[in-house]
PDB file of N, CA and C in Angstrom:
ATOM      1  N   ALA A   1      62.022  93.067 -30.240  1.00  0.00           N
ATOM      2  CA  ALA A   1      62.703  93.549 -31.470  1.00  0.00           C
ATOM      3  C   ALA A   1      64.209  93.115 -31.392  1.00  0.00           C
ATOM      4  N   SER A   2      64.686  92.506 -32.448  1.00  0.00           N
ATOM      5  CA  SER A   2      65.994  92.043 -32.468  1.00  0.00           C
ATOM      6  C   SER A   2      66.887  93.037 -33.194  1.00  0.00           C
ATOM      7  N   LEU A   3      68.141  93.007 -32.774  1.00  0.00           N
ATOM      8  CA  LEU A   3      69.151  93.924 -33.352  1.00  0.00           C
ATOM      9  C   LEU A   3      69.451  93.573 -34.805  1.00  0.00           C
ATOM     10  N   ASP A   4      69.685  94.587 -35.682  1.00  0.00           N
ATOM     11  CA  ASP A   4      70.083  94.183 -37.015  1.00  0.00           C
ATOM     12  C   ASP A   4      71.606  93.844 -37.020  1.00  0.00           C
ATOM     13  N   SER A   5      72.020  93.323 -38.096  1.00  0.00           N
ATOM     14  CA  SER A   5      73.441  92.830 -38.249  1.00  0.00           C
ATOM     15  C   SER A   5      74.424  93.979 -38.010  1.00  0.00           C
ATOM     16  N   ALA A   6      74.196  95.185 -38.527  1.00  0.00           N
ATOM     17  CA  ALA A   6      75.133  96.313 -38.256  1.00  0.00           C
ATOM     18  C   ALA A   6      75.172  96.705 -36.849  1.00  0.00           C
ATOM     19  N   ALA A   7      74.065  96.734 -36.201  1.00  0.00           N
ATOM     20  CA  ALA A   7      74.095  97.041 -34.797  1.00  0.00           C
ATOM     21  C   ALA A   7      74.818  96.025 -33.930  1.00  0.00           C
ATOM     22  N   THR A   8      74.573  94.748 -34.212  1.00  0.00           N
ATOM     23  CA  THR A   8      75.271  93.723 -33.569  1.00  0.00           C
ATOM     24  C   THR A   8      76.785  93.788 -33.744  1.00  0.00           C
ATOM     25  N   LYS A   9      77.261  94.088 -34.956  1.00  0.00           N
ATOM     26  CA  LYS A   9      78.663  94.170 -35.259  1.00  0.00           C
ATOM     27  C   LYS A   9      79.255  95.356 -34.458  1.00  0.00           C
ATOM     28  N   LYS A  10      78.496  96.431 -34.368  1.00  0.00           N
ATOM     29  CA  LYS A  10      78.998  97.601 -33.655  1.00  0.00           C
ATOM     30  C   LYS A  10      79.137  97.332 -32.164  1.00  0.00           C
ATOM     31  N   ILE A  11      78.142  96.630 -31.634  1.00  0.00           N
ATOM     32  CA  ILE A  11      78.197  96.242 -30.186  1.00  0.00           C
ATOM     33  C   ILE A  11      79.367  95.273 -29.945  1.00  0.00           C
ATOM     34  N   ASP A  12      79.568  94.361 -30.840  1.00  0.00           N
ATOM     35  CA  ASP A  12      80.663  93.359 -30.708  1.00  0.00           C
ATOM     36  C   ASP A  12      81.976  94.136 -30.821  1.00  0.00           C
ATOM     37  N   SER A  13      82.109  95.135 -31.693  1.00  0.00           N
ATOM     38  CA  SER A  13      83.300  95.849 -31.720  1.00  0.00           C
ATOM     39  C   SER A  13      83.631  96.634 -30.441  1.00  0.00           C
ATOM     40  N   TYR A  14      82.612  97.208 -29.871  1.00  0.00           N
ATOM     41  CA  TYR A  14      82.800  97.917 -28.541  1.00  0.00           C
ATOM     42  C   TYR A  14      83.188  96.889 -27.458  1.00  0.00           C
ATOM     43  N   LEU A  15      82.531  95.787 -27.465  1.00  0.00           N
ATOM     44  CA  LEU A  15      82.848  94.752 -26.416  1.00  0.00           C
ATOM     45  C   LEU A  15      84.241  94.298 -26.513  1.00  0.00           C
ATOM     46  N   GLU A  16      84.698  94.005 -27.817  1.00  0.00           N
ATOM     47  CA  GLU A  16      86.015  93.561 -28.051  1.00  0.00           C
ATOM     48  C   GLU A  16      87.032  94.652 -27.651  1.00  0.00           C
ATOM     49  N   HIS A  17      86.732  95.900 -27.952  1.00  0.00           N
ATOM     50  CA  HIS A  17      87.601  96.987 -27.542  1.00  0.00           C
ATOM     51  C   HIS A  17      87.683  97.025 -26.076  1.00  0.00           C
ATOM     52  N   TYR A  18      86.620  96.923 -25.332  1.00  0.00           N
ATOM     53  CA  TYR A  18      86.546  96.874 -23.866  1.00  0.00           C
ATOM     54  C   TYR A  18      87.517  95.834 -23.356  1.00  0.00           C
ATOM     55  N   TRP A  19      87.348  94.547 -23.885  1.00  0.00           N
ATOM     56  CA  TRP A  19      88.143  93.457 -23.393  1.00  0.00           C
ATOM     57  C   TRP A  19      89.671  93.711 -23.626  1.00  0.00           C
ATOM     58  N   ILE A  20      89.966  94.208 -24.855  1.00  0.00           N
ATOM     59  CA  ILE A  20      91.415  94.441 -25.137  1.00  0.00           C
ATOM     60  C   ILE A  20      91.998  95.443 -24.150  1.00  0.00           C
ATOM     61  N   ASN A  21      91.251  96.483 -23.907  1.00  0.00           N
ATOM     62  CA  ASN A  21      91.754  97.522 -22.961  1.00  0.00           C
ATOM     63  C   ASN A  21      91.923  96.927 -21.513  1.00  0.00           C
ATOM     64  N   LYS A  22      90.947  96.062 -21.166  1.00  0.00           N
ATOM     65  CA  LYS A  22      91.011  95.485 -19.840  1.00  0.00           C
ATOM     66  C   LYS A  22      92.231  94.499 -19.757  1.00  0.00           C
ATOM     67  N   ILE A  23      92.477  93.742 -20.773  1.00  0.00           N
ATOM     68  CA  ILE A  23      93.628  92.800 -20.867  1.00  0.00           C
ATOM     69  C   ILE A  23      94.906  93.613 -20.782  1.00  0.00           C
ATOM     70  N   ASN A  24      95.010  94.658 -21.526  1.00  0.00           N
ATOM     71  CA  ASN A  24      96.299  95.479 -21.539  1.00  0.00           C
ATOM     72  C   ASN A  24      96.461  96.049 -20.088  1.00  0.00           C
ATOM     73  N   ALA A  25      95.474  96.537 -19.501  1.00  0.00           N
ATOM     74  CA  ALA A  25      95.635  97.165 -18.135  1.00  0.00           C
ATOM     75  C   ALA A  25      96.014  96.069 -17.130  1.00  0.00           C
ATOM     76  N   VAL A  26      95.433  94.943 -17.235  1.00  0.00           N
ATOM     77  CA  VAL A  26      95.758  93.855 -16.303  1.00  0.00           C
ATOM     78  C   VAL A  26      97.233  93.416 -16.500  1.00  0.00           C
ATOM     79  N   GLN A  27      97.653  93.399 -17.723  1.00  0.00           N
ATOM     80  CA  GLN A  27      99.041  92.938 -18.016  1.00  0.00           C
ATOM     81  C   GLN A  27      99.980  93.901 -17.266  1.00  0.00           C
ATOM     82  N   LYS A  28      99.705  95.144 -17.283  1.00  0.00           N
ATOM     83  CA  LYS A  28     100.578  96.153 -16.611  1.00  0.00           C
ATOM     84  C   LYS A  28     100.486  96.076 -15.097  1.00  0.00           C
ATOM     85  N   LEU A  29      99.279  95.927 -14.633  1.00  0.00           N
ATOM     86  CA  LEU A  29      99.077  96.050 -13.156  1.00  0.00           C
ATOM     87  C   LEU A  29      99.225  94.714 -12.387  1.00  0.00           C
ATOM     88  N   GLU A  30      98.803  93.614 -13.033  1.00  0.00           N
ATOM     89  CA  GLU A  30      98.701  92.313 -12.381  1.00  0.00           C
ATOM     90  C   GLU A  30      99.549  91.209 -12.945  1.00  0.00           C
ATOM     91  N   GLY A  31     100.167  91.428 -14.097  1.00  0.00           N
ATOM     92  CA  GLY A  31     100.975  90.452 -14.748  1.00  0.00           C
ATOM     93  C   GLY A  31     100.404  89.749 -15.954  1.00  0.00           C
ATOM     94  N   PHE A  32     101.157  89.132 -16.676  1.00  0.00           N
ATOM     95  CA  PHE A  32     100.797  88.438 -17.936  1.00  0.00           C
ATOM     96  C   PHE A  32      99.873  87.348 -17.798  1.00  0.00           C
ATOM     97  N   LEU A  33     100.122  86.508 -16.748  1.00  0.00           N
ATOM     98  CA  LEU A  33      99.294  85.279 -16.520  1.00  0.00           C
ATOM     99  C   LEU A  33      97.837  85.658 -16.111  1.00  0.00           C
ATOM    100  N   LYS A  34      97.716  86.682 -15.204  1.00  0.00           N
ATOM    101  CA  LYS A  34      96.415  87.155 -14.897  1.00  0.00           C
ATOM    102  C   LYS A  34      95.722  87.626 -16.071  1.00  0.00           C
ATOM    103  N   ALA A  35      96.397  88.415 -16.962  1.00  0.00           N
ATOM    104  CA  ALA A  35      95.853  88.970 -18.123  1.00  0.00           C
ATOM    105  C   ALA A  35      95.436  87.897 -19.102  1.00  0.00           C
ATOM    106  N   ALA A  36      96.159  86.785 -19.236  1.00  0.00           N
ATOM    107  CA  ALA A  36      95.752  85.655 -20.050  1.00  0.00           C
ATOM    108  C   ALA A  36      94.461  85.026 -19.556  1.00  0.00           C
ATOM    109  N   GLY A  37      94.327  85.032 -18.239  1.00  0.00           N
ATOM    110  CA  GLY A  37      93.051  84.559 -17.678  1.00  0.00           C
ATOM    111  C   GLY A  37      91.828  85.404 -18.062  1.00  0.00           C
ATOM    112  N   ILE A  38      92.041  86.754 -17.984  1.00  0.00           N
ATOM    113  CA  ILE A  38      91.002  87.653 -18.415  1.00  0.00           C
ATOM    114  C   ILE A  38      90.728  87.514 -19.892  1.00  0.00           C
ATOM    115  N   ALA A  39      91.790  87.316 -20.675  1.00  0.00           N
ATOM    116  CA  ALA A  39      91.616  87.081 -22.130  1.00  0.00           C
ATOM    117  C   ALA A  39      90.757  85.815 -22.380  1.00  0.00           C
ATOM    118  N   GLN A  40      91.032  84.784 -21.590  1.00  0.00           N
ATOM    119  CA  GLN A  40      90.197  83.592 -21.758  1.00  0.00           C
ATOM    120  C   GLN A  40      88.751  83.838 -21.421  1.00  0.00           C
ATOM    121  N   ASN A  41      88.519  84.604 -20.394  1.00  0.00           N
ATOM    122  CA  ASN A  41      87.105  85.028 -20.068  1.00  0.00           C
ATOM    123  C   ASN A  41      86.486  85.701 -21.223  1.00  0.00           C
ATOM    124  N   ALA A  42      87.239  86.649 -21.867  1.00  0.00           N
ATOM    125  CA  ALA A  42      86.796  87.361 -23.027  1.00  0.00           C
ATOM    126  C   ALA A  42      86.456  86.414 -24.203  1.00  0.00           C
ATOM    127  N   ILE A  43      87.379  85.472 -24.416  1.00  0.00           N
ATOM    128  CA  ILE A  43      87.145  84.499 -25.519  1.00  0.00           C
ATOM    129  C   ILE A  43      85.878  83.690 -25.231  1.00  0.00           C
ATOM    130  N   ASP A  44      85.708  83.296 -23.955  1.00  0.00           N
ATOM    131  CA  ASP A  44      84.499  82.555 -23.658  1.00  0.00           C
ATOM    132  C   ASP A  44      83.286  83.337 -23.976  1.00  0.00           C
ATOM    133  N   ALA A  45      83.354  84.675 -23.765  1.00  0.00           N
ATOM    134  CA  ALA A  45      82.168  85.515 -24.115  1.00  0.00           C
ATOM    135  C   ALA A  45      82.069  85.857 -25.580  1.00  0.00           C
ATOM    136  N   MET A  46      83.181  85.861 -26.307  1.00  0.00           N
ATOM    137  CA  MET A  46      83.234  86.215 -27.727  1.00  0.00           C
ATOM    138  C   MET A  46      84.103  85.237 -28.434  1.00  0.00           C
ATOM    139  N   PRO A  47      83.697  83.953 -28.577  1.00  0.00           N
ATOM    140  CA  PRO A  47      84.537  82.953 -29.143  1.00  0.00           C
ATOM    141  C   PRO A  47      85.071  83.049 -30.551  1.00  0.00           C
ATOM    142  N   LYS A  48      84.381  83.977 -31.303  1.00  0.00           N
ATOM    143  CA  LYS A  48      84.817  84.173 -32.663  1.00  0.00           C
ATOM    144  C   LYS A  48      85.845  85.218 -32.835  1.00  0.00           C
ATOM    145  N   SER A  49      86.256  85.883 -31.801  1.00  0.00           N
ATOM    146  CA  SER A  49      87.122  87.038 -31.889  1.00  0.00           C
ATOM    147  C   SER A  49      88.607  86.645 -32.036  1.00  0.00           C
ATOM    148  N   ALA A  50      89.109  86.900 -33.216  1.00  0.00           N
ATOM    149  CA  ALA A  50      90.512  86.640 -33.403  1.00  0.00           C
ATOM    150  C   ALA A  50      91.431  87.570 -32.604  1.00  0.00           C
ATOM    151  N   ALA A  51      90.902  88.821 -32.432  1.00  0.00           N
ATOM    152  CA  ALA A  51      91.735  89.792 -31.705  1.00  0.00           C
ATOM    153  C   ALA A  51      91.897  89.350 -30.235  1.00  0.00           C
ATOM    154  N   LEU A  52      90.859  88.742 -29.679  1.00  0.00           N
ATOM    155  CA  LEU A  52      91.001  88.304 -28.265  1.00  0.00           C
ATOM    156  C   LEU A  52      91.883  87.063 -28.120  1.00  0.00           C
ATOM    157  N   LYS A  53      91.795  86.193 -29.135  1.00  0.00           N
ATOM    158  CA  LYS A  53      92.677  85.017 -29.096  1.00  0.00           C
ATOM    159  C   LYS A  53      94.147  85.476 -29.287  1.00  0.00           C
ATOM    160  N   ASN A  54      94.371  86.398 -30.130  1.00  0.00           N
ATOM    161  CA  ASN A  54      95.685  86.962 -30.287  1.00  0.00           C
ATOM    162  C   ASN A  54      96.166  87.609 -28.980  1.00  0.00           C
ATOM    163  N   ALA A  55      95.262  88.287 -28.343  1.00  0.00           N
ATOM    164  CA  ALA A  55      95.664  88.978 -27.110  1.00  0.00           C
ATOM    165  C   ALA A  55      96.071  87.918 -26.020  1.00  0.00           C
ATOM    166  N   LYS A  56      95.346  86.824 -25.950  1.00  0.00           N
ATOM    167  CA  LYS A  56      95.676  85.797 -24.969  1.00  0.00           C
ATOM    168  C   LYS A  56      97.053  85.181 -25.315  1.00  0.00           C
ATOM    169  N   ALA A  57      97.251  84.939 -26.619  1.00  0.00           N
ATOM    170  CA  ALA A  57      98.477  84.355 -27.088  1.00  0.00           C
ATOM    171  C   ALA A  57      99.695  85.316 -26.783  1.00  0.00           C
ATOM    172  N   MET A  58      99.499  86.645 -26.833  1.00  0.00           N
ATOM    173  CA  MET A  58     100.531  87.617 -26.568  1.00  0.00           C
ATOM    174  C   MET A  58     100.760  87.630 -25.099  1.00  0.00           C
ATOM    175  N   CYS A  59      99.790  87.549 -24.297  1.00  0.00           N
ATOM    176  CA  CYS A  59      99.969  87.527 -22.825  1.00  0.00           C
ATOM    177  C   CYS A  59     100.858  86.335 -22.435  1.00  0.00           C
ATOM    178  N   LEU A  60     100.507  85.166 -22.953  1.00  0.00           N
ATOM    179  CA  LEU A  60     101.274  84.021 -22.649  1.00  0.00           C
ATOM    180  C   LEU A  60     102.753  83.986 -23.217  1.00  0.00           C
ATOM    181  N   ARG A  61     102.906  84.584 -24.397  1.00  0.00           N
ATOM    182  CA  ARG A  61     104.219  84.809 -24.951  1.00  0.00           C
ATOM    183  C   ARG A  61     105.057  85.754 -24.047  1.00  0.00           C
ATOM    184  N   ASN A  62     104.417  86.841 -23.642  1.00  0.00           N
ATOM    185  CA  ASN A  62     105.118  87.737 -22.729  1.00  0.00           C
ATOM    186  C   ASN A  62     105.558  87.107 -21.427  1.00  0.00           C
ATOM    187  N   TYR A  63     104.639  86.231 -20.888  1.00  0.00           N
ATOM    188  CA  TYR A  63     104.933  85.542 -19.654  1.00  0.00           C
ATOM    189  C   TYR A  63     106.072  84.590 -19.864  1.00  0.00           C
ATOM    190  N   ASP A  64     105.976  83.786 -20.962  1.00  0.00           N
ATOM    191  CA  ASP A  64     107.060  82.883 -21.312  1.00  0.00           C
ATOM    192  C   ASP A  64     108.453  83.562 -21.433  1.00  0.00           C
ATOM    193  N   THR A  65     108.422  84.684 -22.130  1.00  0.00           N
ATOM    194  CA  THR A  65     109.636  85.468 -22.444  1.00  0.00           C
ATOM    195  C   THR A  65     110.196  85.932 -21.091  1.00  0.00           C
ATOM    196  N   GLU A  66     109.437  86.438 -20.158  1.00  0.00           N
ATOM    197  CA  GLU A  66     109.850  86.908 -18.895  1.00  0.00           C
ATOM    198  C   GLU A  66     110.646  85.715 -18.104  1.00  0.00           C
ATOM    199  N   PHE A  67     110.005  84.567 -18.072  1.00  0.00           N
ATOM    200  CA  PHE A  67     110.701  83.448 -17.444  1.00  0.00           C
ATOM    201  C   PHE A  67     111.907  82.935 -18.193  1.00  0.00           C
ATOM    202  N   HIS A  68     111.810  82.950 -19.513  1.00  0.00           N
ATOM    203  CA  HIS A  68     112.993  82.495 -20.328  1.00  0.00           C
ATOM    204  C   HIS A  68     114.145  83.399 -20.089  1.00  0.00           C
ATOM    205  N   ASN A  69     113.912  84.646 -20.073  1.00  0.00           N
ATOM    206  CA  ASN A  69     115.052  85.616 -19.812  1.00  0.00           C
ATOM    207  C   ASN A  69     115.711  85.403 -18.416  1.00  0.00           C
ATOM    208  N   ARG A  70     114.870  85.227 -17.456  1.00  0.00           N
ATOM    209  CA  ARG A  70     115.415  84.889 -16.041  1.00  0.00           C
ATOM    210  C   ARG A  70     116.161  83.610 -16.107  1.00  0.00           C
ATOM    211  N   PHE A  71     115.576  82.599 -16.747  1.00  0.00           N
ATOM    212  CA  PHE A  71     116.257  81.284 -16.850  1.00  0.00           C
ATOM    213  C   PHE A  71     117.561  81.454 -17.508  1.00  0.00           C
ATOM    214  N   ALA A  72     117.706  82.181 -18.606  1.00  0.00           N
ATOM    215  CA  ALA A  72     118.915  82.305 -19.439  1.00  0.00           C
ATOM    216  C   ALA A  72     119.988  83.002 -18.632  1.00  0.00           C
ATOM    217  N   ALA A  73     119.614  83.943 -17.811  1.00  0.00           N
ATOM    218  CA  ALA A  73     120.584  84.744 -17.010  1.00  0.00           C
ATOM    219  C   ALA A  73     121.346  83.737 -16.091  1.00  0.00           C
ATOM    220  N   PHE A  74     120.555  82.842 -15.436  1.00  0.00           N
ATOM    221  CA  PHE A  74     121.167  81.854 -14.465  1.00  0.00           C
ATOM    222  C   PHE A  74     121.957  80.816 -15.249  1.00  0.00           C
ATOM    223  N   ALA A  75     121.376  80.346 -16.333  1.00  0.00           N
ATOM    224  CA  ALA A  75     121.969  79.249 -17.045  1.00  0.00           C
ATOM    225  C   ALA A  75     123.262  79.701 -17.681  1.00  0.00           C
ATOM    226  N   ASN A  76     123.336  80.959 -18.221  1.00  0.00           N
ATOM    227  CA  ASN A  76     124.560  81.473 -18.761  1.00  0.00           C
ATOM    228  C   ASN A  76     125.696  81.612 -17.768  1.00  0.00           C
ATOM    229  N   ASN A  77     125.279  81.751 -16.470  1.00  0.00           N
ATOM    230  CA  ASN A  77     126.266  81.868 -15.392  1.00  0.00           C
ATOM    231  C   ASN A  77     126.485  80.515 -14.709  1.00  0.00           C
ATOM    232  N   LYS A  78     125.988  79.492 -15.410  1.00  0.00           N
ATOM    233  CA  LYS A  78     126.151  78.098 -14.822  1.00  0.00           C
ATOM    234  C   LYS A  78     125.506  77.935 -13.474  1.00  0.00           C
ATOM    235  N   GLN A  79     124.528  78.690 -13.202  1.00  0.00           N
ATOM    236  CA  GLN A  79     123.744  78.569 -11.950  1.00  0.00           C
ATOM    237  C   GLN A  79     122.500  77.694 -12.327  1.00  0.00           C
ATOM    238  N   TYR A  80     122.789  76.398 -12.442  1.00  0.00           N
ATOM    239  CA  TYR A  80     121.761  75.544 -13.012  1.00  0.00           C
ATOM    240  C   TYR A  80     120.597  75.270 -12.065  1.00  0.00           C
ATOM    241  N   GLN A  81     120.885  75.169 -10.784  1.00  0.00           N
ATOM    242  CA  GLN A  81     119.695  74.945  -9.860  1.00  0.00           C
ATOM    243  C   GLN A  81     118.756  76.168  -9.812  1.00  0.00           C
ATOM    244  N   GLU A  82     119.343  77.385  -9.826  1.00  0.00           N
ATOM    245  CA  GLU A  82     118.489  78.617  -9.926  1.00  0.00           C
ATOM    246  C   GLU A  82     117.724  78.616 -11.218  1.00  0.00           C
ATOM    247  N   ALA A  83     118.376  78.234 -12.293  1.00  0.00           N
ATOM    248  CA  ALA A  83     117.746  78.269 -13.623  1.00  0.00           C
ATOM    249  C   ALA A  83     116.552  77.246 -13.612  1.00  0.00           C
ATOM    250  N   LEU A  84     116.809  76.126 -12.982  1.00  0.00           N
ATOM    251  CA  LEU A  84     115.684  75.081 -12.896  1.00  0.00           C
ATOM    252  C   LEU A  84     114.574  75.602 -12.059  1.00  0.00           C
ATOM    253  N   ASN A  85     114.875  76.265 -10.941  1.00  0.00           N
ATOM    254  CA  ASN A  85     113.804  76.806 -10.055  1.00  0.00           C
ATOM    255  C   ASN A  85     112.969  77.820 -10.893  1.00  0.00           C
ATOM    256  N   VAL A  86     113.610  78.679 -11.684  1.00  0.00           N
ATOM    257  CA  VAL A  86     112.860  79.687 -12.495  1.00  0.00           C
ATOM    258  C   VAL A  86     111.919  78.894 -13.484  1.00  0.00           C
ATOM    259  N   LEU A  87     112.444  77.884 -14.166  1.00  0.00           N
ATOM    260  CA  LEU A  87     111.630  77.158 -15.074  1.00  0.00           C
ATOM    261  C   LEU A  87     110.482  76.520 -14.473  1.00  0.00           C
ATOM    262  N   ASN A  88     110.707  75.880 -13.313  1.00  0.00           N
ATOM    263  CA  ASN A  88     109.593  75.196 -12.598  1.00  0.00           C
ATOM    264  C   ASN A  88     108.558  76.167 -12.228  1.00  0.00           C
ATOM    265  N   GLU A  89     108.970  77.379 -11.791  1.00  0.00           N
ATOM    266  CA  GLU A  89     107.988  78.413 -11.412  1.00  0.00           C
ATOM    267  C   GLU A  89     107.177  78.822 -12.677  1.00  0.00           C
ATOM    268  N   GLY A  90     107.882  79.052 -13.746  1.00  0.00           N
ATOM    269  CA  GLY A  90     107.204  79.513 -14.990  1.00  0.00           C
ATOM    270  C   GLY A  90     106.223  78.453 -15.501  1.00  0.00           C
ATOM    271  N   LEU A  91     106.623  77.113 -15.423  1.00  0.00           N
ATOM    272  CA  LEU A  91     105.857  76.054 -15.914  1.00  0.00           C
ATOM    273  C   LEU A  91     104.643  75.768 -15.084  1.00  0.00           C
ATOM    274  N   GLN A  92     104.685  76.151 -13.774  1.00  0.00           N
ATOM    275  CA  GLN A  92     103.500  76.094 -12.913  1.00  0.00           C
ATOM    276  C   GLN A  92     102.408  77.010 -13.504  1.00  0.00           C
ATOM    277  N   GLY A  93     102.776  78.172 -13.967  1.00  0.00           N
ATOM    278  CA  GLY A  93     101.762  79.066 -14.499  1.00  0.00           C
ATOM    279  C   GLY A  93     101.296  78.813 -15.919  1.00  0.00           C
ATOM    280  N   ASN A  94     102.269  78.229 -16.707  1.00  0.00           N
ATOM    281  CA  ASN A  94     101.900  77.902 -18.089  1.00  0.00           C
ATOM    282  C   ASN A  94     102.557  76.565 -18.467  1.00  0.00           C
ATOM    283  N   PRO A  95     101.953  75.420 -18.073  1.00  0.00           N
ATOM    284  CA  PRO A  95     102.541  74.140 -18.242  1.00  0.00           C
ATOM    285  C   PRO A  95     102.717  73.781 -19.771  1.00  0.00           C
ATOM    286  N   GLN A  96     101.920  74.367 -20.611  1.00  0.00           N
ATOM    287  CA  GLN A  96     101.989  74.008 -22.065  1.00  0.00           C
ATOM    288  C   GLN A  96     103.020  74.853 -22.783  1.00  0.00           C
ATOM    289  N   SER A  97     103.732  75.683 -22.143  1.00  0.00           N
ATOM    290  CA  SER A  97     104.663  76.594 -22.845  1.00  0.00           C
ATOM    291  C   SER A  97     105.780  75.809 -23.601  1.00  0.00           C
ATOM    292  N   SER A  98     105.774  75.978 -24.891  1.00  0.00           N
ATOM    293  CA  SER A  98     106.818  75.280 -25.711  1.00  0.00           C
ATOM    294  C   SER A  98     108.185  75.951 -25.428  1.00  0.00           C
ATOM    295  N   ILE A  99     108.141  77.205 -25.111  1.00  0.00           N
ATOM    296  CA  ILE A  99     109.453  77.884 -24.870  1.00  0.00           C
ATOM    297  C   ILE A  99     110.049  77.374 -23.586  1.00  0.00           C
ATOM    298  N   LEU A 100     109.319  77.364 -22.488  1.00  0.00           N
ATOM    299  CA  LEU A 100     109.847  76.947 -21.201  1.00  0.00           C
ATOM    300  C   LEU A 100     110.139  75.452 -21.190  1.00  0.00           C
ATOM    301  N   ASN A 101     109.287  74.598 -21.880  1.00  0.00           N
ATOM    302  CA  ASN A 101     109.627  73.211 -21.943  1.00  0.00           C
ATOM    303  C   ASN A 101     110.906  72.939 -22.721  1.00  0.00           C
ATOM    304  N   ASN A 102     111.092  73.689 -23.768  1.00  0.00           N
ATOM    305  CA  ASN A 102     112.324  73.646 -24.581  1.00  0.00           C
ATOM    306  C   ASN A 102     113.564  74.046 -23.695  1.00  0.00           C
ATOM    307  N   ASP A 103     113.418  75.045 -22.941  1.00  0.00           N
ATOM    308  CA  ASP A 103     114.463  75.545 -22.039  1.00  0.00           C
ATOM    309  C   ASP A 103     114.737  74.407 -21.027  1.00  0.00           C
ATOM    310  N   LEU A 104     113.684  73.733 -20.516  1.00  0.00           N
ATOM    311  CA  LEU A 104     113.880  72.704 -19.565  1.00  0.00           C
ATOM    312  C   LEU A 104     114.647  71.533 -20.075  1.00  0.00           C
ATOM    313  N   ASN A 105     114.345  71.139 -21.369  1.00  0.00           N
ATOM    314  CA  ASN A 105     115.078  70.099 -22.050  1.00  0.00           C
ATOM    315  C   ASN A 105     116.511  70.473 -22.226  1.00  0.00           C
ATOM    316  N   LYS A 106     116.812  71.683 -22.611  1.00  0.00           N
ATOM    317  CA  LYS A 106     118.210  72.210 -22.809  1.00  0.00           C
ATOM    318  C   LYS A 106     118.902  72.157 -21.466  1.00  0.00           C
ATOM    319  N   LEU A 107     118.267  72.568 -20.414  1.00  0.00           N
ATOM    320  CA  LEU A 107     118.885  72.580 -19.083  1.00  0.00           C
ATOM    321  C   LEU A 107     119.139  71.175 -18.615  1.00  0.00           C
ATOM    322  N   ASN A 108     118.266  70.301 -18.803  1.00  0.00           N
ATOM    323  CA  ASN A 108     118.537  68.885 -18.453  1.00  0.00           C
ATOM    324  C   ASN A 108     119.729  68.291 -19.152  1.00  0.00           C
ATOM    325  N   ARG A 109     119.899  68.619 -20.429  1.00  0.00           N
ATOM    326  CA  ARG A 109     121.038  68.149 -21.168  1.00  0.00           C
ATOM    327  C   ARG A 109     122.316  68.773 -20.665  1.00  0.00           C
ATOM    328  N   LEU A 110     122.257  70.052 -20.352  1.00  0.00           N
ATOM    329  CA  LEU A 110     123.424  70.809 -19.778  1.00  0.00           C
ATOM    330  C   LEU A 110     123.798  70.155 -18.401  1.00  0.00           C
ATOM    331  N   MET A 111     122.809  69.942 -17.571  1.00  0.00           N
ATOM    332  CA  MET A 111     123.106  69.395 -16.316  1.00  0.00           C
ATOM    333  C   MET A 111     123.661  67.973 -16.385  1.00  0.00           C
ATOM    334  N   GLN A 112     123.130  67.207 -17.305  1.00  0.00           N
ATOM    335  CA  GLN A 112     123.643  65.856 -17.495  1.00  0.00           C
ATOM    336  C   GLN A 112     125.144  65.877 -17.962  1.00  0.00           C
ATOM    337  N   SER A 113     125.446  66.769 -18.961  1.00  0.00           N
ATOM    338  CA  SER A 113     126.738  66.840 -19.438  1.00  0.00           C
ATOM    339  C   SER A 113     127.731  67.298 -18.343  1.00  0.00           C
ATOM    340  N   GLN A 114     127.259  68.246 -17.435  1.00  0.00           N
ATOM    341  CA  GLN A 114     128.116  68.648 -16.366  1.00  0.00           C
ATOM    342  C   GLN A 114     128.335  67.562 -15.368  1.00  0.00           C
ATOM    343  N   ALA A 115     127.315  66.755 -15.105  1.00  0.00           N
ATOM    344  CA  ALA A 115     127.472  65.617 -14.139  1.00  0.00           C
ATOM    345  C   ALA A 115     128.425  64.603 -14.616  1.00  0.00           C
ATOM    346  N   GLY A 116     128.505  64.486 -15.961  1.00  0.00           N
ATOM    347  CA  GLY A 116     129.508  63.475 -16.494  1.00  0.00           C
ATOM    348  C   GLY A 116     130.912  63.930 -16.515  1.00  0.00           C
ATOM    349  N   LYS A 117     131.195  65.137 -16.096  1.00  0.00           N
ATOM    350  CA  LYS A 117     132.601  65.665 -16.034  1.00  0.00           C
ATOM    351  C   LYS A 117     133.233  65.502 -14.780  1.00  0.00           C
TER     352      LYS A 117
END
């Protein structure tokens, strides 16, 4: 006997809720990047879930923001090598990050302008 559409939707709703709770818990306990990996596992299991796709995007945004803020603190103090180290660390975890790649481009321009002085 197969499940009817209403039962399937209810089960999917419970599964989605489970995944979202797990993602949120992992963010708090193990970090944003680990949570993004859990979110990807959830998306693999439920590829049509917009909520899970949004949860993964939020994990990566939080991760990027954390590294961006650390980068900015060093860059604002003209501690460019430390800023570069932070960006390289962040990009190891999320190489596609538009935020961190943009920061890297800005830092490279800053370092080049300082080298010319």
